[in-house]
Amino acid sequence: MTPFSPEDLRTTLGAGLLSFPVTHARPDLTFDEDGYREHLAWQAPFGSSGVFAAGGTGEFFSLTPAEVATVVRAAVAATAGAKPVVAPAGYGTAQAVEMARDAEAAGASGVFLLPPYLTELSQEGLVAHVRAVCAATGLGVIVYHRANARFGFDAVRELTDTCPNLVGFKDGVGDVDLMTRIHAGLGERLLSIGGLPTAETYALPYLEMGVTTYSSAIFNFLPEFALGFYTAVREHDTAAVYRKLSEFVLPYLDIRNRKAGYAVSIVKAGLRAVGRDPGPVRPPLTDLTGTELGELTALVDKVNRA
C-alpha cells in the first residue's frame, strides 16, 4: 500500500521541485537498471519532492509497457518510500488503464497520465479517457496538458467534480488564460505543475498563476543549481532568477533548440558532462554531436566553478 493518499500526494509534490530522471540505457539500448538506481541514489540527498519515473525526460515514448513497469519498480525500490514515485500511463485508454493498475501494484504513489497516442480528441473523449484511468486506481492522478490532450476549463472542472483522485494538472502548452482560470476556480482542488520545456524559463511568471512547482530536467545533472533556481523563484528573487537564466539556462536552450528531440538528448548529455554517463537516447531521438557536447560541457563547467 502506498503511504501517500491522493491528498497527501498533492500536498507533498507541491512543496518542492520535481525530479524527472532520465532512463539509463546500455550501449545496446536495453535498460541499465543498476545505473538508474545509482542515479536515483545520487539525487536523493538533494531533496526533490517527488520522482516521476519514465516520464517524458525518461523516454516513455520509446519504452515498451513491460519496460515501463520495470523502470517504475526500480524507482520504487530505489526510493524505498522516502518520497513519492509517480508512474506514467499513456497510449490508448485501455493501455493507460492497465498501466495505472500496474503502477498501483508496483507500489507507486501516483499516476502521470500522458497524452493519448496519435488521434485527435474531442473534449468529451478526453474527459472519458481521464475518467477511465482515475476509476482504475486509488492513486492520485496527474494529467499532462500537452499535444493532443488539450483541456478546456469546462473539461477540467467536470473532471475535478467527478474524479476525487485527480489531483494535478501539468501544463505543457503555455495557455495563460487556462492556467489563470484553474488557479482562480480550482486552485484548492488541483496542484498546478509547470511542464513547458525548459520549465525554468517560465517558472517565475507561472508562480503568479499558482504554479508552485515544476519538472526540472536540469536537476538530473546540476541538482544544486536547479534547487538554487527553484528557491530563487519561490522567494520571488527576480534578480537571482534572471542572473541564473543568463548564466546557464538561456545558453543551454540555445543548444537544445538546434534539433527536434534535443529536450531529452541534452539532459543525457548533461550527465555525460558531469562524468555520469547514462547511456544513449533511443531512436527516434538522436544524441548531441561531439561539438555540441563540448559546448555543453564548457557551460556546465562554468556553472560548477561559480
Protein backbone atom coordinates (compact mmCIF):
# COMPACT_ATOMS: atom_id res chain seq x y z
CA MET A 1 0.00 0.00 0.00
CA THR A 2 1.20 3.49 -0.80
CA PRO A 3 1.81 5.82 2.18
CA PHE A 4 0.60 8.74 0.07
CA SER A 5 -3.13 9.30 -0.27
CA PRO A 6 -4.16 11.41 -3.29
CA GLU A 7 -4.43 14.44 -0.99
CA ASP A 8 -1.02 13.70 0.56
CA LEU A 9 0.44 13.38 -2.92
CA ARG A 10 -0.90 16.75 -3.99
CA THR A 11 0.48 18.46 -0.90
CA THR A 12 3.86 16.73 -1.00
CA LEU A 13 4.54 17.33 -4.68
CA GLY A 14 3.54 20.98 -4.42
CA ALA A 15 6.09 21.68 -1.69
CA GLY A 16 9.27 21.27 -3.72
CA LEU A 17 10.98 20.68 -7.03
CA LEU A 18 10.01 17.65 -9.12
CA SER A 19 12.56 15.15 -10.43
CA PHE A 20 12.05 13.62 -13.88
CA PRO A 21 15.05 11.29 -14.13
CA VAL A 22 16.39 10.02 -17.43
CA THR A 23 16.13 6.29 -18.06
CA HIS A 24 19.60 4.78 -18.23
CA ALA A 25 20.50 2.62 -21.20
CA ARG A 26 23.30 0.25 -22.07
CA PRO A 27 25.07 0.58 -25.46
CA ASP A 28 22.63 -1.98 -26.91
CA LEU A 29 19.75 0.27 -25.70
CA THR A 30 18.46 -2.14 -23.04
CA PHE A 31 17.53 -0.71 -19.65
CA ASP A 32 20.51 -0.25 -17.33
CA GLU A 33 18.78 -0.83 -14.01
CA ASP A 34 21.94 -0.63 -11.91
CA GLY A 35 22.87 2.70 -13.46
CA TYR A 36 19.33 4.01 -12.99
CA ARG A 37 19.17 3.03 -9.34
CA GLU A 38 22.58 4.55 -8.68
CA HIS A 39 21.42 7.78 -10.32
CA LEU A 40 18.36 7.98 -8.05
CA ALA A 41 20.55 7.29 -5.02
CA TRP A 42 22.91 10.10 -6.08
CA GLN A 43 19.97 12.50 -6.48
CA ALA A 44 18.25 11.57 -3.21
CA PRO A 45 20.19 13.87 -0.81
CA PHE A 46 19.34 16.94 -2.89
CA GLY A 47 15.71 16.75 -1.81
CA SER A 48 13.22 16.79 -4.67
CA SER A 49 9.60 16.41 -3.59
CA GLY A 50 8.83 13.53 -5.94
CA VAL A 51 10.22 11.25 -8.65
CA PHE A 52 8.37 10.88 -11.96
CA ALA A 53 9.71 7.61 -13.33
CA ALA A 54 9.84 7.00 -17.08
CA GLY A 55 8.19 10.32 -17.91
CA GLY A 56 8.93 12.42 -20.97
CA THR A 57 12.54 13.02 -19.92
CA GLY A 58 12.69 9.30 -19.13
CA GLU A 59 11.78 8.43 -22.75
CA PHE A 60 8.35 6.95 -22.00
CA PHE A 61 7.56 7.11 -25.71
CA SER A 62 10.48 4.78 -26.53
CA LEU A 63 9.90 2.17 -23.83
CA THR A 64 7.67 -0.87 -24.12
CA PRO A 65 4.92 -1.24 -21.48
CA ALA A 66 6.93 -4.07 -19.91
CA GLU A 67 10.00 -1.82 -19.71
CA VAL A 68 7.94 0.97 -18.14
CA ALA A 69 6.82 -1.47 -15.46
CA THR A 70 10.43 -2.46 -14.80
CA VAL A 71 11.58 1.16 -14.55
CA VAL A 72 8.75 2.01 -12.14
CA ARG A 73 9.61 -0.91 -9.89
CA ALA A 74 13.28 0.09 -9.92
CA ALA A 75 12.33 3.63 -8.88
CA VAL A 76 10.07 2.38 -6.08
CA ALA A 77 12.83 0.12 -4.79
CA ALA A 78 15.48 2.84 -5.03
CA THR A 79 13.43 5.46 -3.15
CA ALA A 80 12.15 2.98 -0.54
CA GLY A 81 9.16 5.16 0.37
CA ALA A 82 11.24 8.23 1.21
CA LYS A 83 9.37 10.25 -1.40
CA PRO A 84 6.50 9.57 -3.80
CA VAL A 85 7.18 7.81 -7.08
CA VAL A 86 4.76 8.80 -9.83
CA ALA A 87 4.42 6.24 -12.63
CA PRO A 88 3.43 7.02 -16.22
CA ALA A 89 0.38 5.88 -18.13
CA GLY A 90 -0.47 6.59 -21.73
CA TYR A 91 -1.33 5.47 -25.27
CA GLY A 92 -4.98 4.43 -25.72
CA THR A 93 -7.45 4.30 -22.86
CA ALA A 94 -7.29 0.53 -22.38
CA GLN A 95 -3.48 0.59 -22.24
CA ALA A 96 -3.47 3.59 -19.91
CA VAL A 97 -5.87 1.82 -17.56
CA GLU A 98 -3.61 -1.24 -17.47
CA MET A 99 -0.57 0.91 -16.75
CA ALA A 100 -2.37 2.77 -13.95
CA ARG A 101 -3.35 -0.52 -12.33
CA ASP A 102 0.17 -1.83 -12.66
CA ALA A 103 1.56 1.37 -11.11
CA GLU A 104 -0.54 0.73 -8.02
CA ALA A 105 0.55 -2.92 -7.91
CA ALA A 106 4.19 -1.80 -8.17
CA GLY A 107 3.91 0.42 -5.10
CA ALA A 108 3.92 3.77 -6.89
CA SER A 109 2.26 6.73 -5.17
CA GLY A 110 0.64 8.34 -8.19
CA VAL A 111 -0.05 8.17 -11.92
CA PHE A 112 1.12 10.66 -14.52
CA LEU A 113 -1.28 10.45 -17.46
CA LEU A 114 0.45 11.41 -20.71
CA PRO A 115 -1.46 12.35 -23.89
CA PRO A 116 -3.12 9.53 -25.86
CA TYR A 117 -1.28 8.32 -28.91
CA LEU A 118 -1.78 9.97 -32.33
CA THR A 119 -5.50 10.59 -32.67
CA GLU A 120 -7.33 13.89 -32.38
CA LEU A 121 -9.64 14.21 -29.39
CA SER A 122 -12.91 15.91 -28.55
CA GLN A 123 -13.28 17.35 -25.08
CA GLU A 124 -15.88 14.66 -24.33
CA GLY A 125 -13.48 11.92 -25.40
CA LEU A 126 -10.65 13.40 -23.36
CA VAL A 127 -12.87 13.56 -20.27
CA ALA A 128 -13.91 9.92 -20.75
CA HIS A 129 -10.25 8.91 -21.13
CA VAL A 130 -9.20 10.58 -17.87
CA ARG A 131 -12.24 9.28 -16.01
CA ALA A 132 -11.45 5.72 -17.02
CA VAL A 133 -7.88 5.98 -15.72
CA CYS A 134 -8.96 7.64 -12.47
CA ALA A 135 -11.59 4.94 -11.93
CA ALA A 136 -9.00 2.20 -12.43
CA THR A 137 -6.82 3.18 -9.47
CA GLY A 138 -6.95 4.59 -5.99
CA LEU A 139 -3.73 6.53 -6.63
CA GLY A 140 -3.64 10.25 -7.19
CA VAL A 141 -3.65 11.08 -10.91
CA ILE A 142 -1.92 14.00 -12.64
CA VAL A 143 -2.87 14.83 -16.21
CA TYR A 144 -0.49 16.30 -18.78
CA HIS A 145 -1.97 19.17 -20.78
CA ARG A 146 0.08 18.87 -23.96
CA ALA A 147 -0.03 17.90 -27.65
CA ASN A 148 -3.44 16.40 -28.48
CA ALA A 149 -4.51 16.32 -24.81
CA ARG A 150 -5.57 19.97 -24.66
CA PHE A 151 -8.11 20.56 -21.94
CA GLY A 152 -10.63 23.37 -21.84
CA PHE A 153 -11.55 24.81 -18.47
CA ASP A 154 -15.02 23.23 -18.51
CA ALA A 155 -13.47 19.79 -19.05
CA VAL A 156 -11.04 20.31 -16.16
CA ARG A 157 -13.85 21.44 -13.88
CA GLU A 158 -16.00 18.46 -14.86
CA LEU A 159 -13.14 16.09 -14.10
CA THR A 160 -12.43 17.62 -10.70
CA ASP A 161 -16.15 17.29 -9.87
CA THR A 162 -16.31 13.61 -10.84
CA CYS A 163 -12.82 12.22 -10.17
CA PRO A 164 -11.83 12.62 -6.49
CA ASN A 165 -8.35 11.22 -7.11
CA LEU A 166 -7.49 13.69 -9.89
CA VAL A 167 -5.00 15.85 -8.00
CA GLY A 168 -2.73 17.54 -10.54
CA PHE A 169 -2.63 19.40 -13.83
CA LYS A 170 0.72 19.70 -15.59
CA ASP A 171 0.83 22.39 -18.25
CA GLY A 172 2.93 21.76 -21.35
CA VAL A 173 1.09 24.22 -23.60
CA GLY A 174 1.56 27.67 -22.10
CA ASP A 175 -2.09 28.74 -22.07
CA VAL A 176 -2.02 31.64 -19.61
CA ASP A 177 -5.78 32.14 -19.71
CA LEU A 178 -6.47 28.49 -18.83
CA MET A 179 -3.88 28.39 -16.05
CA THR A 180 -5.30 31.60 -14.57
CA ARG A 181 -8.82 30.13 -14.62
CA ILE A 182 -7.65 26.91 -13.00
CA HIS A 183 -5.83 28.80 -10.25
CA ALA A 184 -8.79 31.11 -9.63
CA GLY A 185 -11.51 28.46 -9.76
CA LEU A 186 -9.84 25.19 -8.85
CA GLY A 187 -6.66 26.18 -7.04
CA GLU A 188 -7.65 24.48 -3.78
CA ARG A 189 -8.55 21.31 -5.65
CA LEU A 190 -5.75 20.83 -8.20
CA LEU A 191 -1.98 21.14 -7.99
CA SER A 192 -0.76 23.13 -10.99
CA ILE A 193 2.61 21.96 -12.30
CA GLY A 194 4.85 23.73 -14.78
CA GLY A 195 5.73 21.41 -17.64
CA LEU A 196 6.91 23.54 -20.52
CA PRO A 197 10.40 22.61 -21.72
CA THR A 198 12.59 24.01 -20.19
CA ALA A 199 10.39 24.79 -17.17
CA GLU A 200 12.90 27.14 -15.52
CA THR A 201 12.35 29.68 -18.30
CA TYR A 202 8.73 30.15 -17.27
CA ALA A 203 8.90 29.41 -13.56
CA LEU A 204 8.81 32.96 -12.22
CA PRO A 205 5.79 34.27 -14.18
CA TYR A 206 3.99 30.96 -13.68
CA LEU A 207 4.32 31.32 -9.91
CA GLU A 208 1.86 34.22 -10.12
CA MET A 209 -0.70 31.77 -11.54
CA GLY A 210 -0.35 29.40 -8.60
CA VAL A 211 2.22 27.09 -10.17
CA THR A 212 4.36 26.33 -7.12
CA THR A 213 6.37 23.51 -8.66
CA TYR A 214 7.66 22.31 -12.00
CA SER A 215 9.52 19.47 -13.66
CA SER A 216 13.23 20.18 -13.75
CA ALA A 217 15.23 18.20 -16.31
CA ILE A 218 18.31 20.17 -15.26
CA PHE A 219 18.02 18.57 -11.81
CA ASN A 220 19.34 15.39 -13.45
CA PHE A 221 22.86 16.73 -13.82
CA LEU A 222 23.05 20.05 -11.93
CA PRO A 223 20.87 19.39 -8.87
CA GLU A 224 22.36 22.15 -6.73
CA PHE A 225 21.87 24.73 -9.49
CA ALA A 226 18.31 23.51 -10.12
CA LEU A 227 17.41 23.71 -6.43
CA GLY A 228 19.01 27.14 -6.10
CA PHE A 229 17.00 28.34 -9.07
CA TYR A 230 13.80 26.91 -7.57
CA THR A 231 14.49 28.63 -4.25
CA ALA A 232 15.03 31.95 -6.00
CA VAL A 233 11.71 31.53 -7.81
CA ARG A 234 9.77 30.69 -4.64
CA GLU A 235 11.36 33.65 -2.85
CA HIS A 236 10.48 35.98 -5.74
CA ASP A 237 14.17 36.85 -6.05
CA THR A 238 13.87 38.25 -9.56
CA ALA A 239 17.48 39.37 -9.79
CA ALA A 240 18.79 35.92 -8.92
CA VAL A 241 16.38 34.20 -11.33
CA TYR A 242 17.41 36.35 -14.27
CA ARG A 243 21.08 36.05 -13.40
CA LYS A 244 20.79 32.26 -13.44
CA LEU A 245 18.80 32.38 -16.67
CA SER A 246 21.54 34.44 -18.33
CA GLU A 247 24.43 32.41 -16.92
CA PHE A 248 23.15 28.96 -17.80
CA VAL A 249 19.53 28.35 -18.78
CA LEU A 250 19.33 30.54 -21.89
CA PRO A 251 22.69 29.38 -23.36
CA TYR A 252 21.58 25.81 -22.56
CA LEU A 253 18.38 26.43 -24.53
CA ASP A 254 20.40 27.69 -27.48
CA ILE A 255 21.98 24.23 -27.73
CA ARG A 256 18.74 22.39 -27.03
CA ASN A 257 16.85 24.22 -29.75
CA ARG A 258 19.20 23.16 -32.56
CA LYS A 259 17.39 19.90 -33.27
CA ALA A 260 13.98 18.39 -32.61
CA GLY A 261 14.09 15.94 -29.70
CA TYR A 262 17.08 17.56 -28.04
CA ALA A 263 14.98 18.43 -24.96
CA VAL A 264 15.71 14.87 -23.80
CA SER A 265 19.05 14.32 -25.53
CA ILE A 266 20.64 17.36 -23.90
CA VAL A 267 19.77 16.04 -20.44
CA LYS A 268 21.62 12.80 -21.03
CA ALA A 269 24.46 14.86 -22.47
CA GLY A 270 24.45 16.96 -19.31
CA LEU A 271 25.04 13.84 -17.25
CA ARG A 272 27.97 12.93 -19.52
CA ALA A 273 29.31 16.45 -18.96
CA VAL A 274 29.48 15.85 -15.21
CA GLY A 275 31.01 12.38 -15.58
CA ARG A 276 27.84 10.36 -15.01
CA ASP A 277 27.12 8.77 -18.41
CA PRO A 278 23.51 7.46 -18.59
CA GLY A 279 23.98 5.82 -21.98
CA PRO A 280 22.48 6.85 -25.31
CA VAL A 281 18.98 8.02 -26.11
CA ARG A 282 16.83 5.55 -28.00
CA PRO A 283 15.65 6.10 -31.56
CA PRO A 284 13.82 8.04 -32.84
CA LEU A 285 15.81 10.53 -30.73
CA THR A 286 19.43 11.31 -31.52
CA ASP A 287 22.28 12.24 -29.21
CA LEU A 288 24.08 15.57 -29.30
CA THR A 289 27.06 15.80 -31.63
CA GLY A 290 30.55 15.79 -30.19
CA THR A 291 30.85 19.53 -30.81
CA GLU A 292 27.57 20.22 -29.05
CA LEU A 293 28.59 18.04 -26.12
CA GLY A 294 31.80 20.05 -25.85
CA GLU A 295 29.85 23.32 -25.77
CA LEU A 296 27.53 21.97 -23.10
CA THR A 297 30.43 20.65 -21.02
CA ALA A 298 32.10 24.06 -21.09
CA LEU A 299 28.83 25.67 -19.97
CA VAL A 300 28.36 23.14 -17.15
CA ASP A 301 31.96 23.59 -16.01
CA LYS A 302 31.44 27.35 -15.87
CA VAL A 303 28.42 26.90 -13.60
CA ASN A 304 30.26 24.45 -11.36
CA ARG A 305 33.16 26.90 -10.94
CA ALA A 306 30.87 29.77 -9.98
